[in-house]
């Protein structure tokens, strides 16, 4: 089966995003949508036969990957499939956002910063409209399409990978040359913080299962080796963990950022990204064996053993 890559420019720091079309079972499917911009809509109108579009399947609901879902719902007869945890975020949006601010407050961030972050998040940049009618990707994608759904949280709690024939459409889960900050978020099923570190360690097992697939990422270039990308991510993380070891056990993340960066980091959203990254790494320092177990399970621990022991202090 032929899978076509579509590259759409975005106004965001991640740069251009890739979407994909395929025709499993003879039905036109669009994987991810691109951003909610005039250029993005024009691209889809010119390059995708929207009159024949039957299914829109989203890897995760970040603006560059799902932003045109609502517009596609209005313009086409396609069914829209979204990850379960992203749908939960929409249904309980206010609860989630208040929970996020509570998490950050507990990590040392004061009311002024939280106000700046709230303003940043509510500029309707990160929350374009959801479609009115949507289906749950994990359970509602029709079996006859032959799309396997793999849950690979870590970058966000909702990340899904779609395997079609010998290809894996991975969204932001496997990106070449990009160290991603797993995003701080609320787990609406438990009421506490979503543990990205624990989730990522579990996801490594699913990602290793893609070794014989052609990986189609959401940004940059197609990759040749899942192992190379996983090792890049782990290596970068361990390098940064070494810088954090003097702060091991500290709960005031705002103070850690101040001590590491002084006043050079001003943008509220960028500070949120850095806080997310630091919390992820602190979770590693609390339980490094979890990562070691996953890496041993997929046969990659020896590749990073020396750096692992140095970062973990063991």
C-alpha atoms as a PDB file:
ATOM      1  CA  UNK A   1       0.000   0.000   0.000  1.00  0.00           C
ATOM      2  CA  UNK A   2       1.235   3.474  -0.869  1.00  0.00           C
ATOM      3  CA  UNK A   3       1.473   6.007   1.958  1.00  0.00           C
ATOM      4  CA  UNK A   4       1.993   9.627   0.897  1.00  0.00           C
ATOM      5  CA  UNK A   5       3.755  12.154   3.088  1.00  0.00           C
ATOM      6  CA  UNK A   6       2.401  15.722   3.178  1.00  0.00           C
ATOM      7  CA  UNK A   7       4.581  18.445   4.693  1.00  0.00           C
ATOM      8  CA  UNK A   8       2.804  21.587   5.930  1.00  0.00           C
ATOM      9  CA  UNK A   9       4.506  24.673   7.325  1.00  0.00           C
ATOM     10  CA  UNK A  10       3.568  25.773  10.837  1.00  0.00           C
ATOM     11  CA  UNK A  11       4.134  29.039  12.734  1.00  0.00           C
ATOM     12  CA  UNK A  12       5.407  27.098  15.762  1.00  0.00           C
ATOM     13  CA  UNK A  13       8.909  26.367  17.053  1.00  0.00           C
ATOM     14  CA  UNK A  14       8.661  22.747  15.863  1.00  0.00           C
ATOM     15  CA  UNK A  15       8.676  23.863  12.223  1.00  0.00           C
ATOM     16  CA  UNK A  16       6.940  21.957   9.392  1.00  0.00           C
ATOM     17  CA  UNK A  17       4.723  19.002  10.282  1.00  0.00           C
ATOM     18  CA  UNK A  18       4.157  15.798   8.324  1.00  0.00           C
ATOM     19  CA  UNK A  19       0.713  14.331   7.695  1.00  0.00           C
ATOM     20  CA  UNK A  20       0.078  11.140   5.745  1.00  0.00           C
ATOM     21  CA  UNK A  21      -2.576   9.735   3.432  1.00  0.00           C
ATOM     22  CA  UNK A  22      -3.213   6.098   2.595  1.00  0.00           C
ATOM     23  CA  UNK A  23      -6.059   3.989   1.219  1.00  0.00           C
ATOM     24  CA  UNK A  24      -6.393   0.853   3.337  1.00  0.00           C
ATOM     25  CA  UNK A  25      -9.367  -1.203   2.164  1.00  0.00           C
ATOM     26  CA  UNK A  26      -9.782   1.347  -0.638  1.00  0.00           C
ATOM     27  CA  UNK A  27     -10.859   4.124   1.779  1.00  0.00           C
ATOM     28  CA  UNK A  28      -8.954   7.423   1.903  1.00  0.00           C
ATOM     29  CA  UNK A  29      -7.438   8.045   5.353  1.00  0.00           C
ATOM     30  CA  UNK A  30      -5.612  11.174   6.566  1.00  0.00           C
ATOM     31  CA  UNK A  31      -3.274  10.666   9.521  1.00  0.00           C
ATOM     32  CA  UNK A  32      -2.917  13.988  11.408  1.00  0.00           C
ATOM     33  CA  UNK A  33      -4.184  17.253   9.983  1.00  0.00           C
ATOM     34  CA  UNK A  34      -1.601  20.019  10.234  1.00  0.00           C
ATOM     35  CA  UNK A  35      -2.156  23.356  11.989  1.00  0.00           C
ATOM     36  CA  UNK A  36      -5.336  25.505  11.871  1.00  0.00           C
ATOM     37  CA  UNK A  37      -3.849  28.043   9.455  1.00  0.00           C
ATOM     38  CA  UNK A  38      -4.901  29.408   6.082  1.00  0.00           C
ATOM     39  CA  UNK A  39      -1.839  27.815   4.498  1.00  0.00           C
ATOM     40  CA  UNK A  40      -2.639  24.473   6.106  1.00  0.00           C
ATOM     41  CA  UNK A  41      -6.212  24.474   4.826  1.00  0.00           C
ATOM     42  CA  UNK A  42      -5.114  25.492   1.364  1.00  0.00           C
ATOM     43  CA  UNK A  43      -2.584  22.674   1.288  1.00  0.00           C
ATOM     44  CA  UNK A  44      -5.202  20.040   2.140  1.00  0.00           C
ATOM     45  CA  UNK A  45      -7.669  21.487  -0.365  1.00  0.00           C
ATOM     46  CA  UNK A  46      -5.067  21.310  -3.130  1.00  0.00           C
ATOM     47  CA  UNK A  47      -3.275  18.046  -2.264  1.00  0.00           C
ATOM     48  CA  UNK A  48      -5.922  15.784  -0.694  1.00  0.00           C
ATOM     49  CA  UNK A  49      -9.203  14.730  -2.319  1.00  0.00           C
ATOM     50  CA  UNK A  50     -11.396  15.952   0.504  1.00  0.00           C
ATOM     51  CA  UNK A  51     -14.554  14.849  -1.286  1.00  0.00           C
ATOM     52  CA  UNK A  52     -13.328  11.242  -0.961  1.00  0.00           C
ATOM     53  CA  UNK A  53     -11.889  11.507   2.556  1.00  0.00           C
ATOM     54  CA  UNK A  54     -13.408   8.831   4.810  1.00  0.00           C
ATOM     55  CA  UNK A  55     -11.284   8.875   7.965  1.00  0.00           C
ATOM     56  CA  UNK A  56      -9.085  11.353   9.865  1.00  0.00           C
ATOM     57  CA  UNK A  57      -6.904   9.618  12.456  1.00  0.00           C
ATOM     58  CA  UNK A  58      -4.892  11.747  14.901  1.00  0.00           C
ATOM     59  CA  UNK A  59      -1.712  10.645  16.720  1.00  0.00           C
ATOM     60  CA  UNK A  60      -2.087  13.181  19.559  1.00  0.00           C
ATOM     61  CA  UNK A  61      -3.907  16.455  20.065  1.00  0.00           C
ATOM     62  CA  UNK A  62      -1.155  19.028  19.857  1.00  0.00           C
ATOM     63  CA  UNK A  63      -2.107  21.951  17.667  1.00  0.00           C
ATOM     64  CA  UNK A  64       0.129  21.061  14.710  1.00  0.00           C
ATOM     65  CA  UNK A  65      -1.242  17.501  14.575  1.00  0.00           C
ATOM     66  CA  UNK A  66      -4.967  17.922  15.175  1.00  0.00           C
ATOM     67  CA  UNK A  67      -5.558  21.641  14.572  1.00  0.00           C
ATOM     68  CA  UNK A  68      -7.662  21.220  11.435  1.00  0.00           C
ATOM     69  CA  UNK A  69      -9.891  18.449  12.776  1.00  0.00           C
ATOM     70  CA  UNK A  70     -12.851  20.737  13.418  1.00  0.00           C
ATOM     71  CA  UNK A  71     -12.531  22.328   9.971  1.00  0.00           C
ATOM     72  CA  UNK A  72     -12.295  18.908   8.303  1.00  0.00           C
ATOM     73  CA  UNK A  73     -15.413  17.800  10.164  1.00  0.00           C
ATOM     74  CA  UNK A  74     -17.287  20.779   8.703  1.00  0.00           C
ATOM     75  CA  UNK A  75     -15.859  20.430   5.183  1.00  0.00           C
ATOM     76  CA  UNK A  76     -15.966  16.650   4.686  1.00  0.00           C
ATOM     77  CA  UNK A  77     -17.936  13.535   5.586  1.00  0.00           C
ATOM     78  CA  UNK A  78     -14.891  11.950   7.227  1.00  0.00           C
ATOM     79  CA  UNK A  79     -15.044  10.296  10.627  1.00  0.00           C
ATOM     80  CA  UNK A  80     -12.599  11.879  13.110  1.00  0.00           C
ATOM     81  CA  UNK A  81     -10.672   9.601  15.510  1.00  0.00           C
ATOM     82  CA  UNK A  82      -8.895  11.120  18.515  1.00  0.00           C
ATOM     83  CA  UNK A  83      -6.874   9.549  21.364  1.00  0.00           C
ATOM     84  CA  UNK A  84      -8.937   8.695  24.442  1.00  0.00           C
ATOM     85  CA  UNK A  85      -6.886  10.707  26.910  1.00  0.00           C
ATOM     86  CA  UNK A  86      -7.086  13.810  24.715  1.00  0.00           C
ATOM     87  CA  UNK A  87     -10.861  13.484  24.579  1.00  0.00           C
ATOM     88  CA  UNK A  88     -10.856  13.232  28.373  1.00  0.00           C
ATOM     89  CA  UNK A  89      -8.886  16.483  28.539  1.00  0.00           C
ATOM     90  CA  UNK A  90     -11.564  18.258  26.516  1.00  0.00           C
ATOM     91  CA  UNK A  91     -14.471  16.877  28.513  1.00  0.00           C
ATOM     92  CA  UNK A  92     -12.809  17.926  31.782  1.00  0.00           C
ATOM     93  CA  UNK A  93     -10.845  20.904  30.499  1.00  0.00           C
ATOM     94  CA  UNK A  94     -11.323  23.307  33.412  1.00  0.00           C
ATOM     95  CA  UNK A  95     -10.557  20.598  35.966  1.00  0.00           C
ATOM     96  CA  UNK A  96      -7.388  19.684  34.080  1.00  0.00           C
ATOM     97  CA  UNK A  97      -6.133  23.263  33.852  1.00  0.00           C
ATOM     98  CA  UNK A  98      -6.743  23.965  37.525  1.00  0.00           C
ATOM     99  CA  UNK A  99      -4.951  20.734  38.337  1.00  0.00           C
ATOM    100  CA  UNK A 100      -1.999  21.849  36.206  1.00  0.00           C
ATOM    101  CA  UNK A 101      -1.714  25.137  38.088  1.00  0.00           C
ATOM    102  CA  UNK A 102      -1.926  23.281  41.401  1.00  0.00           C
ATOM    103  CA  UNK A 103       0.910  20.976  40.318  1.00  0.00           C
ATOM    104  CA  UNK A 104       3.083  23.941  39.349  1.00  0.00           C
ATOM    105  CA  UNK A 105       2.250  25.827  42.550  1.00  0.00           C
ATOM    106  CA  UNK A 106       3.369  22.780  44.538  1.00  0.00           C
ATOM    107  CA  UNK A 107       6.671  22.935  42.647  1.00  0.00           C
ATOM    108  CA  UNK A 108       7.391  26.498  43.754  1.00  0.00           C
ATOM    109  CA  UNK A 109       5.790  28.595  41.021  1.00  0.00           C
ATOM    110  CA  UNK A 110       4.083  31.729  42.341  1.00  0.00           C
ATOM    111  CA  UNK A 111       0.734  33.260  41.398  1.00  0.00           C
ATOM    112  CA  UNK A 112       2.249  35.869  39.050  1.00  0.00           C
ATOM    113  CA  UNK A 113       3.908  33.183  36.944  1.00  0.00           C
ATOM    114  CA  UNK A 114       0.769  31.028  36.926  1.00  0.00           C
ATOM    115  CA  UNK A 115      -1.215  34.042  35.716  1.00  0.00           C
ATOM    116  CA  UNK A 116       1.258  34.591  32.879  1.00  0.00           C
ATOM    117  CA  UNK A 117       1.089  30.906  31.921  1.00  0.00           C
ATOM    118  CA  UNK A 118      -2.704  30.926  31.996  1.00  0.00           C
ATOM    119  CA  UNK A 119      -2.755  33.941  29.670  1.00  0.00           C
ATOM    120  CA  UNK A 120      -0.318  32.197  27.335  1.00  0.00           C
ATOM    121  CA  UNK A 121      -2.360  28.995  27.226  1.00  0.00           C
ATOM    122  CA  UNK A 122      -5.677  30.768  26.731  1.00  0.00           C
ATOM    123  CA  UNK A 123      -4.717  32.846  23.719  1.00  0.00           C
ATOM    124  CA  UNK A 124      -6.532  30.209  21.660  1.00  0.00           C
ATOM    125  CA  UNK A 125      -3.181  29.150  20.255  1.00  0.00           C
ATOM    126  CA  UNK A 126      -2.830  25.832  22.018  1.00  0.00           C
ATOM    127  CA  UNK A 127      -6.535  24.979  22.116  1.00  0.00           C
ATOM    128  CA  UNK A 128      -8.150  25.158  18.658  1.00  0.00           C
ATOM    129  CA  UNK A 129     -11.722  23.840  18.542  1.00  0.00           C
ATOM    130  CA  UNK A 130     -12.357  20.117  18.849  1.00  0.00           C
ATOM    131  CA  UNK A 131     -14.746  18.516  16.366  1.00  0.00           C
ATOM    132  CA  UNK A 132     -18.303  18.266  17.640  1.00  0.00           C
ATOM    133  CA  UNK A 133     -18.537  14.580  16.826  1.00  0.00           C
ATOM    134  CA  UNK A 134     -15.476  12.414  17.262  1.00  0.00           C
ATOM    135  CA  UNK A 135     -14.662   8.779  17.821  1.00  0.00           C
ATOM    136  CA  UNK A 136     -12.082   7.181  20.132  1.00  0.00           C
ATOM    137  CA  UNK A 137      -9.065   5.970  18.182  1.00  0.00           C
ATOM    138  CA  UNK A 138      -8.195   3.135  20.563  1.00  0.00           C
ATOM    139  CA  UNK A 139     -11.577   1.428  20.138  1.00  0.00           C
ATOM    140  CA  UNK A 140     -13.482   2.865  17.177  1.00  0.00           C
ATOM    141  CA  UNK A 141     -11.174   2.630  14.149  1.00  0.00           C
ATOM    142  CA  UNK A 142     -12.855   0.029  11.908  1.00  0.00           C
ATOM    143  CA  UNK A 143     -11.075  -3.334  11.852  1.00  0.00           C
ATOM    144  CA  UNK A 144     -11.315  -3.618   8.055  1.00  0.00           C
ATOM    145  CA  UNK A 145      -8.854  -0.734   7.704  1.00  0.00           C
ATOM    146  CA  UNK A 146      -6.125  -2.908   9.222  1.00  0.00           C
ATOM    147  CA  UNK A 147      -4.729  -0.094  11.398  1.00  0.00           C
ATOM    148  CA  UNK A 148      -2.968  -1.318  14.545  1.00  0.00           C
ATOM    149  CA  UNK A 149      -3.053   1.178  17.417  1.00  0.00           C
ATOM    150  CA  UNK A 150      -0.120   1.277  19.851  1.00  0.00           C
ATOM    151  CA  UNK A 151      -0.202   3.401  22.996  1.00  0.00           C
ATOM    152  CA  UNK A 152       3.220   5.044  23.426  1.00  0.00           C
ATOM    153  CA  UNK A 153       2.828   7.820  26.010  1.00  0.00           C
ATOM    154  CA  UNK A 154       5.809   9.796  27.195  1.00  0.00           C
ATOM    155  CA  UNK A 155       6.049  12.940  25.068  1.00  0.00           C
ATOM    156  CA  UNK A 156       2.424  13.444  26.068  1.00  0.00           C
ATOM    157  CA  UNK A 157       0.091  11.119  27.926  1.00  0.00           C
ATOM    158  CA  UNK A 158      -2.005  10.473  24.831  1.00  0.00           C
ATOM    159  CA  UNK A 159       0.594   9.589  22.165  1.00  0.00           C
ATOM    160  CA  UNK A 160      -0.548   6.887  19.763  1.00  0.00           C
ATOM    161  CA  UNK A 161       1.367   5.142  16.983  1.00  0.00           C
ATOM    162  CA  UNK A 162      -0.505   3.708  14.002  1.00  0.00           C
ATOM    163  CA  UNK A 163       0.906   0.687  12.170  1.00  0.00           C
ATOM    164  CA  UNK A 164      -0.333   0.205   8.627  1.00  0.00           C
ATOM    165  CA  UNK A 165       1.228  -2.660   6.645  1.00  0.00           C
ATOM    166  CA  UNK A 166       4.996  -2.199   7.050  1.00  0.00           C
ATOM    167  CA  UNK A 167       4.795   1.461   8.125  1.00  0.00           C
ATOM    168  CA  UNK A 168       4.455   3.127  11.526  1.00  0.00           C
ATOM    169  CA  UNK A 169       2.999   6.641  11.707  1.00  0.00           C
ATOM    170  CA  UNK A 170       4.500   7.933  14.928  1.00  0.00           C
ATOM    171  CA  UNK A 171       3.567  11.614  15.378  1.00  0.00           C
ATOM    172  CA  UNK A 172       6.016  13.087  17.896  1.00  0.00           C
ATOM    173  CA  UNK A 173       7.002   9.780  19.492  1.00  0.00           C
ATOM    174  CA  UNK A 174      10.158   9.171  17.413  1.00  0.00           C
ATOM    175  CA  UNK A 175      11.834  12.314  16.119  1.00  0.00           C
ATOM    176  CA  UNK A 176      15.334  12.439  14.697  1.00  0.00           C
ATOM    177  CA  UNK A 177      17.695  14.867  16.363  1.00  0.00           C
ATOM    178  CA  UNK A 178      15.107  16.392  18.726  1.00  0.00           C
ATOM    179  CA  UNK A 179      15.235  15.984  22.493  1.00  0.00           C
ATOM    180  CA  UNK A 180      11.624  16.364  23.588  1.00  0.00           C
ATOM    181  CA  UNK A 181      10.385  17.557  26.949  1.00  0.00           C
ATOM    182  CA  UNK A 182       7.709  15.142  28.201  1.00  0.00           C
ATOM    183  CA  UNK A 183       4.945  17.533  29.185  1.00  0.00           C
ATOM    184  CA  UNK A 184       3.796  18.009  32.763  1.00  0.00           C
ATOM    185  CA  UNK A 185       0.127  17.109  32.918  1.00  0.00           C
ATOM    186  CA  UNK A 186      -2.694  15.917  35.148  1.00  0.00           C
ATOM    187  CA  UNK A 187      -3.817  12.291  35.016  1.00  0.00           C
ATOM    188  CA  UNK A 188      -7.574  12.767  35.014  1.00  0.00           C
ATOM    189  CA  UNK A 189      -8.137   9.073  35.699  1.00  0.00           C
ATOM    190  CA  UNK A 190      -6.237   9.139  39.003  1.00  0.00           C
ATOM    191  CA  UNK A 191      -6.463  12.819  39.929  1.00  0.00           C
ATOM    192  CA  UNK A 192      -2.708  13.136  40.383  1.00  0.00           C
ATOM    193  CA  UNK A 193       0.220  13.990  38.152  1.00  0.00           C
ATOM    194  CA  UNK A 194       0.688  11.950  35.005  1.00  0.00           C
ATOM    195  CA  UNK A 195       4.012  10.133  35.381  1.00  0.00           C
ATOM    196  CA  UNK A 196       5.677  10.649  32.003  1.00  0.00           C
ATOM    197  CA  UNK A 197       8.826   8.851  33.122  1.00  0.00           C
ATOM    198  CA  UNK A 198       6.972   5.693  34.082  1.00  0.00           C
ATOM    199  CA  UNK A 199       4.932   5.878  30.881  1.00  0.00           C
ATOM    200  CA  UNK A 200       7.977   6.405  28.677  1.00  0.00           C
ATOM    201  CA  UNK A 201       9.777   3.417  30.178  1.00  0.00           C
ATOM    202  CA  UNK A 202       6.755   1.255  29.355  1.00  0.00           C
ATOM    203  CA  UNK A 203       6.511   2.761  25.858  1.00  0.00           C
ATOM    204  CA  UNK A 204      10.066   1.695  25.041  1.00  0.00           C
ATOM    205  CA  UNK A 205       8.811  -1.873  24.755  1.00  0.00           C
ATOM    206  CA  UNK A 206       6.230  -0.906  22.122  1.00  0.00           C
ATOM    207  CA  UNK A 207       8.738   1.275  20.277  1.00  0.00           C
ATOM    208  CA  UNK A 208      11.184  -1.619  20.054  1.00  0.00           C
ATOM    209  CA  UNK A 209       8.436  -3.558  18.306  1.00  0.00           C
ATOM    210  CA  UNK A 210       8.679  -1.093  15.412  1.00  0.00           C
ATOM    211  CA  UNK A 211      12.209  -2.141  14.482  1.00  0.00           C
ATOM    212  CA  UNK A 212      11.057  -3.897  11.323  1.00  0.00           C
ATOM    213  CA  UNK A 213       8.741  -1.040  10.278  1.00  0.00           C
ATOM    214  CA  UNK A 214       9.308   2.018   8.141  1.00  0.00           C
ATOM    215  CA  UNK A 215       8.930   4.872  10.619  1.00  0.00           C
ATOM    216  CA  UNK A 216       6.983   7.903   9.362  1.00  0.00           C
ATOM    217  CA  UNK A 217       7.539  10.704  11.914  1.00  0.00           C
ATOM    218  CA  UNK A 218       5.607  13.904  12.531  1.00  0.00           C
ATOM    219  CA  UNK A 219       8.600  16.184  11.919  1.00  0.00           C
ATOM    220  CA  UNK A 220      11.967  16.163  10.174  1.00  0.00           C
ATOM    221  CA  UNK A 221      13.193  13.135   8.274  1.00  0.00           C
ATOM    222  CA  UNK A 222      12.187   9.516   8.046  1.00  0.00           C
ATOM    223  CA  UNK A 223      14.504   7.504  10.272  1.00  0.00           C
ATOM    224  CA  UNK A 224      16.454   4.362   9.464  1.00  0.00           C
ATOM    225  CA  UNK A 225      16.650   2.866  12.947  1.00  0.00           C
ATOM    226  CA  UNK A 226      14.349   2.915  15.957  1.00  0.00           C
ATOM    227  CA  UNK A 227      17.304   2.001  18.160  1.00  0.00           C
ATOM    228  CA  UNK A 228      19.297   5.045  17.015  1.00  0.00           C
ATOM    229  CA  UNK A 229      16.446   7.386  17.952  1.00  0.00           C
ATOM    230  CA  UNK A 230      15.797   5.737  21.318  1.00  0.00           C
ATOM    231  CA  UNK A 231      19.503   5.847  22.173  1.00  0.00           C
ATOM    232  CA  UNK A 232      19.707   9.501  21.108  1.00  0.00           C
ATOM    233  CA  UNK A 233      16.819  10.377  23.424  1.00  0.00           C
ATOM    234  CA  UNK A 234      18.173   8.377  26.361  1.00  0.00           C
ATOM    235  CA  UNK A 235      21.700   9.724  25.912  1.00  0.00           C
ATOM    236  CA  UNK A 236      20.522  13.330  25.860  1.00  0.00           C
ATOM    237  CA  UNK A 237      18.399  12.743  28.925  1.00  0.00           C
ATOM    238  CA  UNK A 238      21.279  11.190  30.850  1.00  0.00           C
ATOM    239  CA  UNK A 239      23.567  14.082  29.916  1.00  0.00           C
ATOM    240  CA  UNK A 240      21.090  16.568  31.344  1.00  0.00           C
ATOM    241  CA  UNK A 241      20.419  14.447  34.422  1.00  0.00           C
ATOM    242  CA  UNK A 242      24.081  14.813  35.372  1.00  0.00           C
ATOM    243  CA  UNK A 243      23.505  18.575  35.650  1.00  0.00           C
ATOM    244  CA  UNK A 244      20.536  17.966  37.950  1.00  0.00           C
ATOM    245  CA  UNK A 245      22.164  15.552  40.374  1.00  0.00           C
ATOM    246  CA  UNK A 246      23.160  18.352  42.796  1.00  0.00           C
ATOM    247  CA  UNK A 247      19.429  19.131  43.123  1.00  0.00           C
ATOM    248  CA  UNK A 248      18.370  15.544  43.727  1.00  0.00           C
ATOM    249  CA  UNK A 249      15.371  15.347  46.035  1.00  0.00           C
ATOM    250  CA  UNK A 250      14.515  19.060  45.832  1.00  0.00           C
ATOM    251  CA  UNK A 251      10.840  19.844  45.243  1.00  0.00           C
ATOM    252  CA  UNK A 252      11.112  23.534  44.336  1.00  0.00           C
ATOM    253  CA  UNK A 253      11.452  23.288  40.543  1.00  0.00           C
ATOM    254  CA  UNK A 254      11.035  27.048  40.100  1.00  0.00           C
ATOM    255  CA  UNK A 255      14.123  27.610  42.244  1.00  0.00           C
ATOM    256  CA  UNK A 256      16.099  25.000  40.299  1.00  0.00           C
ATOM    257  CA  UNK A 257      15.284  26.811  37.043  1.00  0.00           C
ATOM    258  CA  UNK A 258      16.315  30.121  38.579  1.00  0.00           C
ATOM    259  CA  UNK A 259      19.626  28.701  39.760  1.00  0.00           C
ATOM    260  CA  UNK A 260      20.359  26.978  36.450  1.00  0.00           C
ATOM    261  CA  UNK A 261      19.321  29.774  34.099  1.00  0.00           C
ATOM    262  CA  UNK A 262      19.267  32.947  36.180  1.00  0.00           C
ATOM    263  CA  UNK A 263      16.908  35.436  34.547  1.00  0.00           C
ATOM    264  CA  UNK A 264      17.557  34.311  30.974  1.00  0.00           C
ATOM    265  CA  UNK A 265      14.348  32.277  30.729  1.00  0.00           C
ATOM    266  CA  UNK A 266      11.381  34.665  30.688  1.00  0.00           C
ATOM    267  CA  UNK A 267       8.652  33.189  28.480  1.00  0.00           C
ATOM    268  CA  UNK A 268       6.012  31.492  30.648  1.00  0.00           C
ATOM    269  CA  UNK A 269       5.401  28.616  28.243  1.00  0.00           C
ATOM    270  CA  UNK A 270       9.133  27.925  27.799  1.00  0.00           C
ATOM    271  CA  UNK A 271       9.489  27.822  31.591  1.00  0.00           C
ATOM    272  CA  UNK A 272       6.633  25.299  31.701  1.00  0.00           C
ATOM    273  CA  UNK A 273       8.473  23.139  29.138  1.00  0.00           C
ATOM    274  CA  UNK A 274      11.674  23.280  31.185  1.00  0.00           C
ATOM    275  CA  UNK A 275       9.803  22.461  34.390  1.00  0.00           C
ATOM    276  CA  UNK A 276       8.265  19.455  32.641  1.00  0.00           C
ATOM    277  CA  UNK A 277      11.690  18.248  31.573  1.00  0.00           C
ATOM    278  CA  UNK A 278      13.191  18.648  35.031  1.00  0.00           C
ATOM    279  CA  UNK A 279      10.332  16.802  36.736  1.00  0.00           C
ATOM    280  CA  UNK A 280      10.736  13.944  34.250  1.00  0.00           C
ATOM    281  CA  UNK A 281      14.424  13.710  35.112  1.00  0.00           C
ATOM    282  CA  UNK A 282      13.809  13.953  38.844  1.00  0.00           C
ATOM    283  CA  UNK A 283      11.497  10.956  38.488  1.00  0.00           C
ATOM    284  CA  UNK A 284      14.400   9.095  36.869  1.00  0.00           C
ATOM    285  CA  UNK A 285      16.707   9.995  39.757  1.00  0.00           C
ATOM    286  CA  UNK A 286      14.133   8.616  42.196  1.00  0.00           C
ATOM    287  CA  UNK A 287      13.892   5.292  40.370  1.00  0.00           C
ATOM    288  CA  UNK A 288      16.603   4.775  37.742  1.00  0.00           C
ATOM    289  CA  UNK A 289      16.083   1.015  37.777  1.00  0.00           C
ATOM    290  CA  UNK A 290      12.777   1.424  35.946  1.00  0.00           C
ATOM    291  CA  UNK A 291      14.588   2.777  32.885  1.00  0.00           C
ATOM    292  CA  UNK A 292      17.347   0.207  33.210  1.00  0.00           C
ATOM    293  CA  UNK A 293      14.786  -2.628  33.221  1.00  0.00           C
ATOM    294  CA  UNK A 294      13.145  -1.335  30.033  1.00  0.00           C
ATOM    295  CA  UNK A 295      16.471  -0.853  28.246  1.00  0.00           C
ATOM    296  CA  UNK A 296      17.593  -4.341  29.241  1.00  0.00           C
ATOM    297  CA  UNK A 297      14.279  -5.722  28.026  1.00  0.00           C
ATOM    298  CA  UNK A 298      14.877  -4.305  24.535  1.00  0.00           C
ATOM    299  CA  UNK A 299      18.600  -5.073  24.494  1.00  0.00           C
ATOM    300  CA  UNK A 300      19.945  -1.523  24.614  1.00  0.00           C
ATOM    301  CA  UNK A 301      21.207  -1.051  28.154  1.00  0.00           C
ATOM    302  CA  UNK A 302      24.832  -1.950  27.452  1.00  0.00           C
ATOM    303  CA  UNK A 303      24.957   0.856  24.878  1.00  0.00           C
ATOM    304  CA  UNK A 304      24.427   3.458  27.616  1.00  0.00           C
ATOM    305  CA  UNK A 305      25.541   1.581  30.751  1.00  0.00           C
ATOM    306  CA  UNK A 306      28.519   3.801  31.598  1.00  0.00           C
ATOM    307  CA  UNK A 307      26.573   7.018  31.155  1.00  0.00           C
ATOM    308  CA  UNK A 308      23.595   5.567  33.026  1.00  0.00           C
ATOM    309  CA  UNK A 309      25.676   4.742  36.103  1.00  0.00           C
ATOM    310  CA  UNK A 310      27.316   8.179  36.037  1.00  0.00           C
ATOM    311  CA  UNK A 311      23.974   9.983  35.779  1.00  0.00           C
ATOM    312  CA  UNK A 312      22.260   7.862  38.402  1.00  0.00           C
ATOM    313  CA  UNK A 313      25.228   8.059  40.758  1.00  0.00           C
ATOM    314  CA  UNK A 314      25.447   4.314  41.175  1.00  0.00           C
END
